[in-house]
Amino acid sequence: MQTDLKQAISLENVITAQQVLKGVVEQTPLQFNAGLSEKFGANIYLKREDLQTVRSYKIRGAYNKVNSLSDEEKANGIVAASAGNHAQGVALSCSLLGIHGQIFMPSTTTAQKVNKVRSFGKSFAEVVLVGDTFDDAYCEALKVCEKTNKAFIHPFEDPKVIEGLGTIGLEIISQCEKPIDYLVLPVGGGGLSAGVGTVFSTLSPQTKVIGVEPKGAPAMYTSIKNGENTTLDKIDNFVDGAAVHRVGDLNYQICKEI
C-alpha cells in the first residue's frame, strides 16, 4: 500500500471512527453458520450487519462522514445519492444529528425502500426521485451541490465513509478467537473492501481478502485486471445495491494492494 494511501485511510482513523459510532451502530454478531460450514468443510462465520437498524452496514460510513462536517456545513444541509442502503444510512444520520438532507434516488426505486428512507429521516430527510439509475440520481445530486454549496455525502468514495465501514473489520478481529484464513466481502463501489481491507492488512495480514461483485457489474475486477480504474460501458442493475459503472479511485488504489 502506498504511503499517501496509508495516510488517507489509517488504522488509527478507523479506531477513531469506532468511537464516533458508539451508541449509533450495533456491534453485530459474528455468527457461526452450521449449514455452510458443513457444506464446504470449513468453519464459516457470517457478520450479521443485516441486524443494524437500517438493515445494512451503510450507516457506519454515512454517520461517520456526516458527523465529521463542520458546524457551518451541518447548518447548510447535505446532499446524497443512493439506490437504497446508503440513503437509509444518511437519512438516519440526518435525524440523529438534526441536519436537513436531500437524498436523490432513482425513480425506479421500490416504494418500500423510499418509505424506509423517509421513515428513518423523519422531518430531516427529503427524498427526491429522479432518473432511472443511480448514475442519474448521482448527477442530479451533484448539480444541487454546485448550486447550493451543500456537502455531498458520497456512498463510497470518501475517506470518512471508508473509515466508518472499516470498523466492521475491527469488530470481526475482536470477535474471532482463531486466525482467519479467508475474508469474503461484497464489492460495489469498493468502500467496504477498502476500509475492512485496510484493517486486515495491518492487524491480520495472513488473511486472504476476497472481493465478490455482481457478474453483470465487475467494475473492481475489470479495473484490477486492466491495471487502472476502469469505467464499465454498461452494467446489469439486477443487484442494484452493488452495481456501479466505476469504483472509487481511492478504493481501487487501496484494494489493488490488498
C-alpha atoms as a PDB file:
ATOM      1  CA  MET A   1       0.000   0.000   0.000  1.00  0.00           C
ATOM      2  CA  GLN A   2       1.422   3.377  -0.968  1.00  0.00           C
ATOM      3  CA  THR A   3       2.441   5.846   1.737  1.00  0.00           C
ATOM      4  CA  ASP A   4      -0.121   8.515   0.792  1.00  0.00           C
ATOM      5  CA  LEU A   5      -2.910   5.950   0.896  1.00  0.00           C
ATOM      6  CA  LYS A   6      -1.836   4.821   4.342  1.00  0.00           C
ATOM      7  CA  GLN A   7      -2.143   8.410   5.456  1.00  0.00           C
ATOM      8  CA  ALA A   8      -5.538   8.813   3.789  1.00  0.00           C
ATOM      9  CA  ILE A   9      -7.061   5.694   5.364  1.00  0.00           C
ATOM     10  CA  SER A  10      -5.224   4.692   8.526  1.00  0.00           C
ATOM     11  CA  LEU A  11      -5.943   2.152  11.231  1.00  0.00           C
ATOM     12  CA  GLU A  12      -5.853   4.989  13.766  1.00  0.00           C
ATOM     13  CA  ASN A  13      -8.636   6.821  11.930  1.00  0.00           C
ATOM     14  CA  VAL A  14     -10.747   3.659  11.784  1.00  0.00           C
ATOM     15  CA  ILE A  15     -10.338   3.281  15.545  1.00  0.00           C
ATOM     16  CA  THR A  16     -11.432   6.910  15.959  1.00  0.00           C
ATOM     17  CA  ALA A  17     -14.473   6.188  13.781  1.00  0.00           C
ATOM     18  CA  GLN A  18     -15.358   3.293  16.051  1.00  0.00           C
ATOM     19  CA  GLN A  19     -15.545   5.714  18.982  1.00  0.00           C
ATOM     20  CA  VAL A  20     -17.727   8.098  16.957  1.00  0.00           C
ATOM     21  CA  LEU A  21     -20.134   5.266  16.141  1.00  0.00           C
ATOM     22  CA  LYS A  22     -20.600   4.088  19.721  1.00  0.00           C
ATOM     23  CA  GLY A  23     -24.277   4.249  20.608  1.00  0.00           C
ATOM     24  CA  VAL A  24     -25.200   4.746  16.939  1.00  0.00           C
ATOM     25  CA  VAL A  25     -24.486   1.339  15.408  1.00  0.00           C
ATOM     26  CA  GLU A  26     -24.820  -2.149  16.822  1.00  0.00           C
ATOM     27  CA  GLN A  27     -21.786  -4.363  17.314  1.00  0.00           C
ATOM     28  CA  THR A  28     -23.372  -7.087  15.234  1.00  0.00           C
ATOM     29  CA  PRO A  29     -22.657 -10.748  15.995  1.00  0.00           C
ATOM     30  CA  LEU A  30     -20.137 -12.859  14.109  1.00  0.00           C
ATOM     31  CA  GLN A  31     -22.394 -15.890  13.802  1.00  0.00           C
ATOM     32  CA  PHE A  32     -21.275 -19.444  13.085  1.00  0.00           C
ATOM     33  CA  ASN A  33     -23.229 -20.930  10.183  1.00  0.00           C
ATOM     34  CA  ALA A  34     -23.551 -24.697  10.564  1.00  0.00           C
ATOM     35  CA  GLY A  35     -25.056 -25.315   7.135  1.00  0.00           C
ATOM     36  CA  LEU A  36     -22.363 -23.532   5.134  1.00  0.00           C
ATOM     37  CA  SER A  37     -19.620 -24.916   7.363  1.00  0.00           C
ATOM     38  CA  GLU A  38     -20.769 -28.490   6.753  1.00  0.00           C
ATOM     39  CA  LYS A  39     -21.257 -27.919   3.037  1.00  0.00           C
ATOM     40  CA  PHE A  40     -17.752 -26.520   2.469  1.00  0.00           C
ATOM     41  CA  GLY A  41     -15.862 -28.390   5.190  1.00  0.00           C
ATOM     42  CA  ALA A  42     -14.766 -25.229   6.961  1.00  0.00           C
ATOM     43  CA  ASN A  43     -15.682 -23.040   9.908  1.00  0.00           C
ATOM     44  CA  ILE A  44     -17.727 -20.292   8.287  1.00  0.00           C
ATOM     45  CA  TYR A  45     -18.991 -17.261  10.176  1.00  0.00           C
ATOM     46  CA  LEU A  46     -21.350 -14.540   8.965  1.00  0.00           C
ATOM     47  CA  LYS A  47     -21.060 -10.935  10.111  1.00  0.00           C
ATOM     48  CA  ARG A  48     -24.715 -10.053  10.686  1.00  0.00           C
ATOM     49  CA  GLU A  49     -24.802  -6.437   9.517  1.00  0.00           C
ATOM     50  CA  ASP A  50     -28.396  -7.056   8.440  1.00  0.00           C
ATOM     51  CA  LEU A  51     -29.227  -6.611  12.144  1.00  0.00           C
ATOM     52  CA  GLN A  52     -28.354  -2.915  12.069  1.00  0.00           C
ATOM     53  CA  THR A  53     -31.286  -0.518  12.444  1.00  0.00           C
ATOM     54  CA  VAL A  54     -31.088   0.312   8.733  1.00  0.00           C
ATOM     55  CA  ARG A  55     -30.523  -3.365   7.858  1.00  0.00           C
ATOM     56  CA  SER A  56     -27.042  -2.818   6.396  1.00  0.00           C
ATOM     57  CA  TYR A  57     -23.513  -1.634   7.189  1.00  0.00           C
ATOM     58  CA  LYS A  58     -24.010   1.641   5.307  1.00  0.00           C
ATOM     59  CA  ILE A  59     -24.933   3.564   8.471  1.00  0.00           C
ATOM     60  CA  ARG A  60     -21.310   3.224   9.620  1.00  0.00           C
ATOM     61  CA  GLY A  61     -19.866   5.211   6.737  1.00  0.00           C
ATOM     62  CA  ALA A  62     -22.745   7.664   6.406  1.00  0.00           C
ATOM     63  CA  TYR A  63     -22.813   8.683  10.064  1.00  0.00           C
ATOM     64  CA  ASN A  64     -19.037   8.941  10.374  1.00  0.00           C
ATOM     65  CA  LYS A  65     -18.950  11.289   7.380  1.00  0.00           C
ATOM     66  CA  VAL A  66     -21.943  13.444   8.347  1.00  0.00           C
ATOM     67  CA  ASN A  67     -20.718  13.759  11.927  1.00  0.00           C
ATOM     68  CA  SER A  68     -17.298  14.946  10.688  1.00  0.00           C
ATOM     69  CA  LEU A  69     -18.733  18.002   8.921  1.00  0.00           C
ATOM     70  CA  SER A  70     -18.112  21.488  10.290  1.00  0.00           C
ATOM     71  CA  ASP A  71     -20.904  23.321  12.107  1.00  0.00           C
ATOM     72  CA  GLU A  72     -21.303  25.566   9.073  1.00  0.00           C
ATOM     73  CA  GLU A  73     -21.642  22.581   6.722  1.00  0.00           C
ATOM     74  CA  LYS A  74     -24.170  20.916   9.018  1.00  0.00           C
ATOM     75  CA  ALA A  75     -26.248  24.097   9.193  1.00  0.00           C
ATOM     76  CA  ASN A  76     -26.204  24.395   5.404  1.00  0.00           C
ATOM     77  CA  GLY A  77     -27.550  20.861   4.951  1.00  0.00           C
ATOM     78  CA  ILE A  78     -26.294  17.885   2.968  1.00  0.00           C
ATOM     79  CA  VAL A  79     -26.995  16.063  -0.287  1.00  0.00           C
ATOM     80  CA  ALA A  80     -26.663  12.369  -1.078  1.00  0.00           C
ATOM     81  CA  ALA A  81     -27.437   9.912  -3.865  1.00  0.00           C
ATOM     82  CA  SER A  82     -28.242   6.242  -3.432  1.00  0.00           C
ATOM     83  CA  ALA A  83     -30.180   3.292  -4.748  1.00  0.00           C
ATOM     84  CA  GLY A  84     -31.195   2.253  -1.242  1.00  0.00           C
ATOM     85  CA  ASN A  85     -28.993   1.292   1.692  1.00  0.00           C
ATOM     86  CA  HIS A  86     -26.746   4.367   1.745  1.00  0.00           C
ATOM     87  CA  ALA A  87     -29.872   6.522   1.557  1.00  0.00           C
ATOM     88  CA  GLN A  88     -31.231   4.894   4.699  1.00  0.00           C
ATOM     89  CA  GLY A  89     -27.925   5.421   6.490  1.00  0.00           C
ATOM     90  CA  VAL A  90     -27.793   9.084   5.505  1.00  0.00           C
ATOM     91  CA  ALA A  91     -31.441   9.609   6.454  1.00  0.00           C
ATOM     92  CA  LEU A  92     -30.943   8.148   9.918  1.00  0.00           C
ATOM     93  CA  SER A  93     -27.770  10.203  10.358  1.00  0.00           C
ATOM     94  CA  CYS A  94     -29.702  13.368   9.482  1.00  0.00           C
ATOM     95  CA  SER A  95     -32.373  12.517  12.028  1.00  0.00           C
ATOM     96  CA  LEU A  96     -29.900  11.691  14.803  1.00  0.00           C
ATOM     97  CA  LEU A  97     -27.795  14.802  14.212  1.00  0.00           C
ATOM     98  CA  GLY A  98     -30.646  17.186  13.399  1.00  0.00           C
ATOM     99  CA  ILE A  99     -29.356  18.014   9.912  1.00  0.00           C
ATOM    100  CA  HIS A 100     -31.509  18.602   6.838  1.00  0.00           C
ATOM    101  CA  GLY A 101     -30.641  16.397   3.878  1.00  0.00           C
ATOM    102  CA  GLN A 102     -31.783  15.940   0.297  1.00  0.00           C
ATOM    103  CA  ILE A 103     -31.422  12.341  -0.838  1.00  0.00           C
ATOM    104  CA  PHE A 104     -31.635  11.653  -4.561  1.00  0.00           C
ATOM    105  CA  MET A 105     -32.793   8.186  -5.566  1.00  0.00           C
ATOM    106  CA  PRO A 106     -33.666   6.636  -8.952  1.00  0.00           C
ATOM    107  CA  SER A 107     -37.364   6.883  -9.817  1.00  0.00           C
ATOM    108  CA  THR A 108     -37.271   3.098 -10.266  1.00  0.00           C
ATOM    109  CA  THR A 109     -36.543   2.596  -6.549  1.00  0.00           C
ATOM    110  CA  THR A 110     -39.157   0.418  -4.869  1.00  0.00           C
ATOM    111  CA  ALA A 111     -41.772   2.126  -2.705  1.00  0.00           C
ATOM    112  CA  GLN A 112     -40.618   0.028   0.239  1.00  0.00           C
ATOM    113  CA  LYS A 113     -37.082   1.460   0.072  1.00  0.00           C
ATOM    114  CA  VAL A 114     -38.312   5.017  -0.392  1.00  0.00           C
ATOM    115  CA  ASN A 115     -40.683   4.724   2.566  1.00  0.00           C
ATOM    116  CA  LYS A 116     -37.888   3.317   4.732  1.00  0.00           C
ATOM    117  CA  VAL A 117     -35.670   6.293   3.914  1.00  0.00           C
ATOM    118  CA  ARG A 118     -38.459   8.725   4.784  1.00  0.00           C
ATOM    119  CA  SER A 119     -39.177   6.825   7.979  1.00  0.00           C
ATOM    120  CA  PHE A 120     -35.552   6.929   9.165  1.00  0.00           C
ATOM    121  CA  GLY A 121     -35.088  10.568   8.173  1.00  0.00           C
ATOM    122  CA  LYS A 122     -38.343  11.795   9.717  1.00  0.00           C
ATOM    123  CA  SER A 123     -38.666  15.538   9.056  1.00  0.00           C
ATOM    124  CA  PHE A 124     -34.951  15.953   8.350  1.00  0.00           C
ATOM    125  CA  ALA A 125     -34.597  13.989   5.091  1.00  0.00           C
ATOM    126  CA  GLU A 126     -36.249  14.864   1.792  1.00  0.00           C
ATOM    127  CA  VAL A 127     -36.342  12.141  -0.869  1.00  0.00           C
ATOM    128  CA  VAL A 128     -36.032  13.293  -4.479  1.00  0.00           C
ATOM    129  CA  LEU A 129     -36.826  10.662  -7.133  1.00  0.00           C
ATOM    130  CA  VAL A 130     -35.114  11.268 -10.469  1.00  0.00           C
ATOM    131  CA  GLY A 131     -33.919   9.269 -13.486  1.00  0.00           C
ATOM    132  CA  ASP A 132     -33.764   5.519 -13.932  1.00  0.00           C
ATOM    133  CA  THR A 133     -30.358   4.658 -12.480  1.00  0.00           C
ATOM    134  CA  PHE A 134     -28.042   5.535  -9.618  1.00  0.00           C
ATOM    135  CA  ASP A 135     -25.888   7.495 -12.065  1.00  0.00           C
ATOM    136  CA  ASP A 136     -28.891   9.686 -12.961  1.00  0.00           C
ATOM    137  CA  ALA A 137     -29.580  10.391  -9.294  1.00  0.00           C
ATOM    138  CA  TYR A 138     -25.883  10.992  -8.660  1.00  0.00           C
ATOM    139  CA  CYS A 139     -25.609  13.577 -11.431  1.00  0.00           C
ATOM    140  CA  GLU A 140     -28.664  15.482 -10.185  1.00  0.00           C
ATOM    141  CA  ALA A 141     -27.344  15.448  -6.638  1.00  0.00           C
ATOM    142  CA  LEU A 142     -24.022  16.943  -7.770  1.00  0.00           C
ATOM    143  CA  LYS A 143     -25.860  19.698  -9.658  1.00  0.00           C
ATOM    144  CA  VAL A 144     -27.683  20.671  -6.465  1.00  0.00           C
ATOM    145  CA  CYS A 145     -24.392  20.688  -4.553  1.00  0.00           C
ATOM    146  CA  GLU A 146     -22.881  23.071  -7.086  1.00  0.00           C
ATOM    147  CA  LYS A 147     -25.849  25.445  -6.852  1.00  0.00           C
ATOM    148  CA  THR A 148     -26.270  25.401  -3.074  1.00  0.00           C
ATOM    149  CA  ASN A 149     -22.737  24.652  -1.865  1.00  0.00           C
ATOM    150  CA  LYS A 150     -24.093  21.811   0.267  1.00  0.00           C
ATOM    151  CA  ALA A 151     -21.815  18.968   1.374  1.00  0.00           C
ATOM    152  CA  PHE A 152     -22.125  15.788  -0.676  1.00  0.00           C
ATOM    153  CA  ILE A 153     -22.183  12.502   1.239  1.00  0.00           C
ATOM    154  CA  HIS A 154     -20.698  10.021  -1.215  1.00  0.00           C
ATOM    155  CA  PRO A 155     -21.743   6.369  -0.769  1.00  0.00           C
ATOM    156  CA  PHE A 156     -18.196   5.002  -1.082  1.00  0.00           C
ATOM    157  CA  GLU A 157     -15.554   7.452  -2.382  1.00  0.00           C
ATOM    158  CA  ASP A 158     -14.718   9.379   0.791  1.00  0.00           C
ATOM    159  CA  PRO A 159     -12.096   8.736   3.499  1.00  0.00           C
ATOM    160  CA  LYS A 160     -14.560   9.257   6.356  1.00  0.00           C
ATOM    161  CA  VAL A 161     -17.054   6.855   4.766  1.00  0.00           C
ATOM    162  CA  ILE A 162     -14.331   4.261   4.209  1.00  0.00           C
ATOM    163  CA  GLU A 163     -13.079   4.612   7.784  1.00  0.00           C
ATOM    164  CA  GLY A 164     -16.583   4.151   9.140  1.00  0.00           C
ATOM    165  CA  LEU A 165     -17.029   0.992   7.102  1.00  0.00           C
ATOM    166  CA  GLY A 166     -13.629  -0.214   8.275  1.00  0.00           C
ATOM    167  CA  THR A 167     -14.972  -0.535  11.824  1.00  0.00           C
ATOM    168  CA  ILE A 168     -16.534  -3.819  10.740  1.00  0.00           C
ATOM    169  CA  GLY A 169     -13.006  -5.190  10.408  1.00  0.00           C
ATOM    170  CA  LEU A 170     -12.136  -4.179  13.963  1.00  0.00           C
ATOM    171  CA  GLU A 171     -15.212  -5.986  15.240  1.00  0.00           C
ATOM    172  CA  ILE A 172     -14.562  -9.154  13.245  1.00  0.00           C
ATOM    173  CA  ILE A 173     -10.995  -9.439  14.536  1.00  0.00           C
ATOM    174  CA  SER A 174     -12.056  -8.834  18.147  1.00  0.00           C
ATOM    175  CA  GLN A 175     -14.889 -11.371  17.869  1.00  0.00           C
ATOM    176  CA  CYS A 176     -12.954 -14.211  16.242  1.00  0.00           C
ATOM    177  CA  GLU A 177     -10.879 -16.294  18.663  1.00  0.00           C
ATOM    178  CA  LYS A 178      -8.922 -18.102  15.949  1.00  0.00           C
ATOM    179  CA  PRO A 179      -6.859 -16.820  12.990  1.00  0.00           C
ATOM    180  CA  ILE A 180      -8.969 -16.005   9.939  1.00  0.00           C
ATOM    181  CA  ASP A 181      -7.859 -17.708   6.738  1.00  0.00           C
ATOM    182  CA  TYR A 182     -10.254 -16.054   4.301  1.00  0.00           C
ATOM    183  CA  LEU A 183     -12.465 -12.980   4.455  1.00  0.00           C
ATOM    184  CA  VAL A 184     -15.143 -12.620   1.778  1.00  0.00           C
ATOM    185  CA  LEU A 185     -16.530  -9.133   1.185  1.00  0.00           C
ATOM    186  CA  PRO A 186     -19.190  -7.780  -1.211  1.00  0.00           C
ATOM    187  CA  VAL A 187     -17.898  -5.146  -3.640  1.00  0.00           C
ATOM    188  CA  GLY A 188     -19.956  -2.347  -5.145  1.00  0.00           C
ATOM    189  CA  GLY A 189     -18.086   0.947  -5.169  1.00  0.00           C
ATOM    190  CA  GLY A 190     -15.339  -0.543  -3.034  1.00  0.00           C
ATOM    191  CA  GLY A 191     -15.791   1.400   0.201  1.00  0.00           C
ATOM    192  CA  LEU A 192     -16.346  -1.651   2.411  1.00  0.00           C
ATOM    193  CA  SER A 193     -13.465  -3.644   0.939  1.00  0.00           C
ATOM    194  CA  ALA A 194     -11.122  -0.638   1.168  1.00  0.00           C
ATOM    195  CA  GLY A 195     -11.987   0.040   4.799  1.00  0.00           C
ATOM    196  CA  VAL A 196     -12.078  -3.519   6.102  1.00  0.00           C
ATOM    197  CA  GLY A 197      -9.145  -4.469   3.889  1.00  0.00           C
ATOM    198  CA  THR A 198      -7.037  -1.701   5.426  1.00  0.00           C
ATOM    199  CA  VAL A 199      -7.746  -3.059   8.908  1.00  0.00           C
ATOM    200  CA  PHE A 200      -6.922  -6.630   7.947  1.00  0.00           C
ATOM    201  CA  SER A 201      -3.757  -5.711   6.062  1.00  0.00           C
ATOM    202  CA  THR A 202      -2.462  -4.230   9.313  1.00  0.00           C
ATOM    203  CA  LEU A 203      -3.901  -6.463  12.044  1.00  0.00           C
ATOM    204  CA  SER A 204      -4.328  -9.766  10.212  1.00  0.00           C
ATOM    205  CA  PRO A 205      -2.039  -9.723   7.154  1.00  0.00           C
ATOM    206  CA  GLN A 206      -2.136 -13.518   6.838  1.00  0.00           C
ATOM    207  CA  THR A 207      -5.843 -13.373   5.964  1.00  0.00           C
ATOM    208  CA  LYS A 208      -6.643 -13.573   2.262  1.00  0.00           C
ATOM    209  CA  VAL A 209      -9.287 -10.964   1.429  1.00  0.00           C
ATOM    210  CA  ILE A 210     -11.658 -11.953  -1.397  1.00  0.00           C
ATOM    211  CA  GLY A 211     -13.992  -9.450  -3.028  1.00  0.00           C
ATOM    212  CA  VAL A 212     -17.229 -10.613  -4.644  1.00  0.00           C
ATOM    213  CA  GLU A 213     -19.172  -8.407  -7.038  1.00  0.00           C
ATOM    214  CA  PRO A 214     -22.118  -8.870  -9.431  1.00  0.00           C
ATOM    215  CA  LYS A 215     -21.245 -10.728 -12.625  1.00  0.00           C
ATOM    216  CA  GLY A 216     -23.094  -8.036 -14.543  1.00  0.00           C
ATOM    217  CA  ALA A 217     -21.083  -5.202 -12.955  1.00  0.00           C
ATOM    218  CA  PRO A 218     -17.469  -6.339 -12.430  1.00  0.00           C
ATOM    219  CA  ALA A 219     -16.020  -2.847 -12.043  1.00  0.00           C
ATOM    220  CA  MET A 220     -13.347  -3.713  -9.467  1.00  0.00           C
ATOM    221  CA  TYR A 221     -12.309  -6.946 -11.202  1.00  0.00           C
ATOM    222  CA  THR A 222     -12.013  -5.173 -14.549  1.00  0.00           C
ATOM    223  CA  SER A 223     -10.026  -2.317 -13.043  1.00  0.00           C
ATOM    224  CA  ILE A 224      -7.528  -4.582 -11.270  1.00  0.00           C
ATOM    225  CA  LYS A 225      -7.204  -6.680 -14.427  1.00  0.00           C
ATOM    226  CA  ASN A 226      -6.567  -3.573 -16.553  1.00  0.00           C
ATOM    227  CA  GLY A 227      -4.157  -2.046 -14.049  1.00  0.00           C
ATOM    228  CA  GLU A 228      -6.182   1.182 -13.855  1.00  0.00           C
ATOM    229  CA  ASN A 229      -9.580   2.257 -12.589  1.00  0.00           C
ATOM    230  CA  THR A 230     -11.925   1.475 -15.460  1.00  0.00           C
ATOM    231  CA  THR A 231     -15.439   2.725 -16.177  1.00  0.00           C
ATOM    232  CA  LEU A 232     -17.706  -0.031 -17.493  1.00  0.00           C
ATOM    233  CA  ASP A 233     -19.668   0.765 -20.651  1.00  0.00           C
ATOM    234  CA  LYS A 234     -22.769  -0.974 -19.367  1.00  0.00           C
ATOM    235  CA  ILE A 235     -23.912  -2.850 -16.276  1.00  0.00           C
ATOM    236  CA  ASP A 236     -26.742  -5.103 -15.199  1.00  0.00           C
ATOM    237  CA  ASN A 237     -28.706  -3.317 -12.465  1.00  0.00           C
ATOM    238  CA  PHE A 238     -30.272  -6.515 -11.110  1.00  0.00           C
ATOM    239  CA  VAL A 239     -28.144  -6.263  -7.940  1.00  0.00           C
ATOM    240  CA  ASP A 240     -28.856  -2.552  -7.656  1.00  0.00           C
ATOM    241  CA  GLY A 241     -27.076  -2.004  -4.346  1.00  0.00           C
ATOM    242  CA  ALA A 242     -23.738  -3.192  -5.732  1.00  0.00           C
ATOM    243  CA  ALA A 243     -23.965  -2.360  -9.435  1.00  0.00           C
ATOM    244  CA  VAL A 244     -21.756   0.610 -10.318  1.00  0.00           C
ATOM    245  CA  HIS A 245     -20.068   1.633 -13.554  1.00  0.00           C
ATOM    246  CA  ARG A 246     -16.900   2.694 -11.758  1.00  0.00           C
ATOM    247  CA  VAL A 247     -15.475   2.006  -8.302  1.00  0.00           C
ATOM    248  CA  GLY A 248     -13.983   4.813  -6.232  1.00  0.00           C
ATOM    249  CA  ASP A 249     -10.495   5.906  -7.315  1.00  0.00           C
ATOM    250  CA  LEU A 250      -9.167   5.766  -3.760  1.00  0.00           C
ATOM    251  CA  ASN A 251     -10.915   2.449  -3.170  1.00  0.00           C
ATOM    252  CA  TYR A 252      -9.336   0.965  -6.276  1.00  0.00           C
ATOM    253  CA  GLN A 253      -5.868   2.131  -5.237  1.00  0.00           C
ATOM    254  CA  ILE A 254      -6.292   0.512  -1.807  1.00  0.00           C
ATOM    255  CA  CYS A 255      -7.946  -2.702  -2.958  1.00  0.00           C
ATOM    256  CA  LYS A 256      -5.398  -3.492  -5.657  1.00  0.00           C
ATOM    257  CA  GLU A 257      -2.715  -3.603  -2.943  1.00  0.00           C
ATOM    258  CA  ILE A 258      -4.651  -5.826  -0.507  1.00  0.00           C
END
